[in-house]
C-alpha atoms as a PDB file:
ATOM      1  CA  MET A   1      50.454  30.775  52.492  1.00  0.00           C
ATOM      2  CA  LYS A   2      46.694  31.067  51.930  1.00  0.00           C
ATOM      3  CA  ARG A   3      46.126  28.089  54.203  1.00  0.00           C
ATOM      4  CA  LYS A   4      48.136  29.717  57.032  1.00  0.00           C
ATOM      5  CA  LEU A   5      46.133  32.929  56.665  1.00  0.00           C
ATOM      6  CA  TYR A   6      42.887  30.941  56.667  1.00  0.00           C
ATOM      7  CA  LEU A   7      43.908  29.007  59.793  1.00  0.00           C
ATOM      8  CA  SER A   8      45.056  32.207  61.517  1.00  0.00           C
ATOM      9  CA  GLY A   9      41.712  33.819  60.699  1.00  0.00           C
ATOM     10  CA  CYS A  10      39.816  30.826  62.117  1.00  0.00           C
ATOM     11  CA  VAL A  11      41.842  30.930  65.328  1.00  0.00           C
ATOM     12  CA  LEU A  12      41.198  34.666  65.646  1.00  0.00           C
ATOM     13  CA  ILE A  13      37.442  34.168  65.200  1.00  0.00           C
ATOM     14  CA  VAL A  14      37.369  31.442  67.859  1.00  0.00           C
ATOM     15  CA  LEU A  15      39.349  33.607  70.293  1.00  0.00           C
ATOM     16  CA  LEU A  16      37.118  36.629  69.738  1.00  0.00           C
ATOM     17  CA  GLY A  17      34.046  34.453  70.187  1.00  0.00           C
ATOM     18  CA  SER A  18      35.274  33.156  73.543  1.00  0.00           C
ATOM     19  CA  VAL A  19      36.023  36.706  74.726  1.00  0.00           C
ATOM     20  CA  ILE A  20      32.503  37.809  73.786  1.00  0.00           C
ATOM     21  CA  VAL A  21      30.937  34.830  75.580  1.00  0.00           C
ATOM     22  CA  ARG A  22      32.946  35.535  78.745  1.00  0.00           C
ATOM     23  CA  ALA A  23      31.985  39.229  78.602  1.00  0.00           C
ATOM     24  CA  ARG A  24      28.309  38.245  78.516  1.00  0.00           C
ATOM     25  CA  GLN A  25      28.687  35.969  81.544  1.00  0.00           C
ATOM     26  CA  THR A  26      29.858  38.609  83.984  1.00  0.00           C
ATOM     27  CA  GLU A  27      26.610  38.645  85.963  1.00  0.00           C
ATOM     28  CA  PRO A  28      26.297  36.226  88.892  1.00  0.00           C
ATOM     29  CA  TRP A  29      22.908  34.971  87.637  1.00  0.00           C
ATOM     30  CA  THR A  30      21.996  32.988  84.568  1.00  0.00           C
ATOM     31  CA  PRO A  31      19.172  33.948  82.199  1.00  0.00           C
ATOM     32  CA  GLU A  32      17.141  31.062  83.666  1.00  0.00           C
ATOM     33  CA  GLN A  33      17.376  32.669  87.125  1.00  0.00           C
ATOM     34  CA  LEU A  34      15.678  35.863  85.935  1.00  0.00           C
ATOM     35  CA  MET A  35      11.947  36.048  86.600  1.00  0.00           C
ATOM     36  CA  ALA A  36       9.646  38.135  84.444  1.00  0.00           C
ATOM     37  CA  PRO A  37       7.470  40.587  86.390  1.00  0.00           C
ATOM     38  CA  ALA A  38       4.311  39.012  84.937  1.00  0.00           C
ATOM     39  CA  GLU A  39       5.363  35.619  86.338  1.00  0.00           C
ATOM     40  CA  LEU A  40       5.835  37.004  89.850  1.00  0.00           C
ATOM     41  CA  ALA A  41       2.577  38.962  89.627  1.00  0.00           C
ATOM     42  CA  ALA A  42       0.766  35.738  88.715  1.00  0.00           C
ATOM     43  CA  LYS A  43       2.318  33.919  91.690  1.00  0.00           C
ATOM     44  CA  ILE A  44       1.210  36.708  94.036  1.00  0.00           C
ATOM     45  CA  ASN A  45      -2.288  36.842  92.539  1.00  0.00           C
ATOM     46  CA  ASN A  46      -2.601  33.048  92.905  1.00  0.00           C
ATOM     47  CA  ASN A  47      -1.650  33.298  96.601  1.00  0.00           C
ATOM     48  CA  SER A  48       1.373  31.034  96.191  1.00  0.00           C
ATOM     49  CA  ASN A  49       3.174  33.234  98.777  1.00  0.00           C
ATOM     50  CA  PRO A  50       6.699  33.185  97.343  1.00  0.00           C
ATOM     51  CA  LEU A  51       9.542  34.606  99.423  1.00  0.00           C
ATOM     52  CA  VAL A  52      10.078  37.989  97.791  1.00  0.00           C
ATOM     53  CA  ILE A  53      12.722  40.290  99.203  1.00  0.00           C
ATOM     54  CA  CYS A  54      13.336  43.918  98.311  1.00  0.00           C
ATOM     55  CA  VAL A  55      17.073  44.572  98.396  1.00  0.00           C
ATOM     56  CA  GLY A  56      16.641  48.207  97.368  1.00  0.00           C
ATOM     57  CA  PRO A  57      15.402  51.425  98.946  1.00  0.00           C
ATOM     58  CA  ALA A  58      11.630  50.842  98.736  1.00  0.00           C
ATOM     59  CA  GLY A  59       9.722  47.569  98.910  1.00  0.00           C
ATOM     60  CA  LEU A  60       6.574  48.194  96.898  1.00  0.00           C
ATOM     61  CA  ILE A  61       5.658  44.682  95.749  1.00  0.00           C
ATOM     62  CA  LYS A  62       2.793  43.046  97.633  1.00  0.00           C
ATOM     63  CA  GLY A  63       4.062  40.565 100.220  1.00  0.00           C
ATOM     64  CA  SER A  64       7.717  41.511  99.857  1.00  0.00           C
ATOM     65  CA  ILE A  65      10.061  41.847 102.807  1.00  0.00           C
ATOM     66  CA  GLU A  66      12.327  44.878 102.907  1.00  0.00           C
ATOM     67  CA  THR A  67      15.940  44.513 103.986  1.00  0.00           C
ATOM     68  CA  GLY A  68      17.236  47.825 102.633  1.00  0.00           C
ATOM     69  CA  ALA A  69      19.727  48.737  99.940  1.00  0.00           C
ATOM     70  CA  ALA A  70      22.079  45.754  99.706  1.00  0.00           C
ATOM     71  CA  HIS A  71      25.090  47.826  98.669  1.00  0.00           C
ATOM     72  CA  GLU A  72      25.273  48.890 102.336  1.00  0.00           C
ATOM     73  CA  SER A  73      26.935  46.248 104.499  1.00  0.00           C
ATOM     74  CA  ALA A  74      24.456  46.646 107.375  1.00  0.00           C
ATOM     75  CA  ASN A  75      21.555  45.909 105.023  1.00  0.00           C
ATOM     76  CA  LEU A  76      23.389  42.991 103.457  1.00  0.00           C
ATOM     77  CA  ASP A  77      23.772  41.646 106.997  1.00  0.00           C
ATOM     78  CA  LYS A  78      19.997  42.048 107.496  1.00  0.00           C
ATOM     79  CA  LEU A  79      19.447  40.018 104.344  1.00  0.00           C
ATOM     80  CA  LYS A  80      21.848  37.339 105.550  1.00  0.00           C
ATOM     81  CA  THR A  81      20.049  37.138 108.898  1.00  0.00           C
ATOM     82  CA  LEU A  82      16.686  36.812 107.157  1.00  0.00           C
ATOM     83  CA  LEU A  83      17.989  34.113 104.824  1.00  0.00           C
ATOM     84  CA  SER A  84      19.805  32.147 107.527  1.00  0.00           C
ATOM     85  CA  GLY A  85      16.539  30.698 108.806  1.00  0.00           C
ATOM     86  CA  GLN A  86      15.188  29.736 105.384  1.00  0.00           C
ATOM     87  CA  ASP A  87      15.156  26.379 103.597  1.00  0.00           C
ATOM     88  CA  ARG A  88      18.006  26.441 101.053  1.00  0.00           C
ATOM     89  CA  ASN A  89      15.834  24.552  98.547  1.00  0.00           C
ATOM     90  CA  MET A  90      13.064  27.146  98.435  1.00  0.00           C
ATOM     91  CA  GLU A  91      12.698  29.698  95.676  1.00  0.00           C
ATOM     92  CA  VAL A  92      13.893  33.123  96.839  1.00  0.00           C
ATOM     93  CA  ILE A  93      13.099  36.097  94.618  1.00  0.00           C
ATOM     94  CA  ILE A  94      14.975  39.358  95.093  1.00  0.00           C
ATOM     95  CA  TYR A  95      14.386  42.705  93.463  1.00  0.00           C
ATOM     96  CA  CYS A  96      15.415  46.333  93.674  1.00  0.00           C
ATOM     97  CA  GLY A  97      14.072  48.570  90.909  1.00  0.00           C
ATOM     98  CA  CYS A  98      15.823  51.768  91.988  1.00  0.00           C
ATOM     99  CA  CYS A  99      17.403  52.393  88.589  1.00  0.00           C
ATOM    100  CA  PRO A 100      18.176  50.700  85.277  1.00  0.00           C
ATOM    101  CA  PHE A 101      19.014  47.050  85.924  1.00  0.00           C
ATOM    102  CA  LYS A 102      22.506  47.269  84.436  1.00  0.00           C
ATOM    103  CA  ASN A 103      23.498  50.033  86.894  1.00  0.00           C
ATOM    104  CA  CYS A 104      21.823  48.774  90.064  1.00  0.00           C
ATOM    105  CA  PRO A 105      24.234  48.722  93.039  1.00  0.00           C
ATOM    106  CA  ASN A 106      22.018  46.384  95.089  1.00  0.00           C
ATOM    107  CA  ILE A 107      21.119  43.287  93.089  1.00  0.00           C
ATOM    108  CA  ARG A 108      24.622  41.916  92.544  1.00  0.00           C
ATOM    109  CA  PRO A 109      25.721  41.809  96.209  1.00  0.00           C
ATOM    110  CA  ALA A 110      22.339  40.365  97.208  1.00  0.00           C
ATOM    111  CA  PHE A 111      22.364  37.698  94.497  1.00  0.00           C
ATOM    112  CA  ASN A 112      25.963  36.783  95.306  1.00  0.00           C
ATOM    113  CA  LEU A 113      24.890  36.338  98.938  1.00  0.00           C
ATOM    114  CA  LEU A 114      22.140  33.911  97.859  1.00  0.00           C
ATOM    115  CA  LEU A 115      24.722  31.936  95.909  1.00  0.00           C
ATOM    116  CA  SER A 116      27.278  31.937  98.735  1.00  0.00           C
ATOM    117  CA  MET A 117      24.590  30.672 101.132  1.00  0.00           C
ATOM    118  CA  HIS A 118      23.912  27.803  98.690  1.00  0.00           C
ATOM    119  CA  PHE A 119      20.294  28.556  97.843  1.00  0.00           C
ATOM    120  CA  THR A 120      19.366  26.155  95.063  1.00  0.00           C
ATOM    121  CA  HIS A 121      16.590  28.294  93.521  1.00  0.00           C
ATOM    122  CA  PRO A 122      17.716  31.924  93.692  1.00  0.00           C
ATOM    123  CA  ARG A 123      15.732  34.208  91.396  1.00  0.00           C
ATOM    124  CA  LEU A 124      16.107  37.820  90.399  1.00  0.00           C
ATOM    125  CA  LEU A 125      13.100  39.830  89.301  1.00  0.00           C
ATOM    126  CA  ASP A 126      13.934  41.118  85.832  1.00  0.00           C
ATOM    127  CA  ILE A 127      13.468  44.877  86.148  1.00  0.00           C
ATOM    128  CA  PRO A 128      15.485  46.365  83.284  1.00  0.00           C
ATOM    129  CA  HIS A 129      14.284  49.972  83.750  1.00  0.00           C
ATOM    130  CA  ASN A 130      12.907  50.616  87.238  1.00  0.00           C
ATOM    131  CA  ILE A 131      10.069  49.538  89.520  1.00  0.00           C
ATOM    132  CA  ARG A 132       7.718  52.203  88.169  1.00  0.00           C
ATOM    133  CA  VAL A 133       8.094  51.242  84.492  1.00  0.00           C
ATOM    134  CA  ASP A 134       8.423  47.477  84.911  1.00  0.00           C
ATOM    135  CA  TRP A 135       5.947  46.848  87.756  1.00  0.00           C
ATOM    136  CA  ILE A 136       3.712  49.746  88.793  1.00  0.00           C
ATOM    137  CA  GLU A 137       2.715  50.886  85.282  1.00  0.00           C
ATOM    138  CA  HIS A 138       1.630  47.316  84.491  1.00  0.00           C
ATOM    139  CA  GLY A 139      -0.776  47.323  87.410  1.00  0.00           C
ATOM    140  CA  TYR A 140       0.979  44.469  89.201  1.00  0.00           C
ATOM    141  CA  PRO A 141       0.221  43.896  92.922  1.00  0.00           C
ATOM    142  CA  LEU A 142       1.483  46.563  95.318  1.00  0.00           C
ATOM    143  CA  LYS A 143       1.651  46.740  99.073  1.00  0.00           C
ATOM    144  CA  GLU A 144      -1.266  48.546 100.636  1.00  0.00           C
ATOM    145  CA  ALA A 145      -0.530  52.053 101.907  1.00  0.00           C
ATOM    146  CA  LYS A 146      -0.134  52.169 105.689  1.00  0.00           C
END
């Protein structure tokens, strides 16, 4: 009887573990596809000219291209048009920064588009709070005011 209880407990632990792992993998990106703000800032400061695309309401990062909030289908189409002429093997970095990362309505549709278009090096700028806290307050490169 003790052996059956022990085996049942082991099975339950394994099942719960697999549920937890699946719950953590709900995002379309992997941890390796996240880019720290300091890493992108260094690339910009070293003039490596990465393709950086703002998929949110305001493109503030130096050198970034704005396509608009990607939760709107017209803006997602703009992003698709922009990406259609790009080399699928290049690194493409997207960001939003409108709100806390976990709630952002723009990064998931944009990242899924990168995946569906078979980009081999899609990256997502890791902005867990917002663009002000995670970029501006660190003094990272901004676009010049027009």
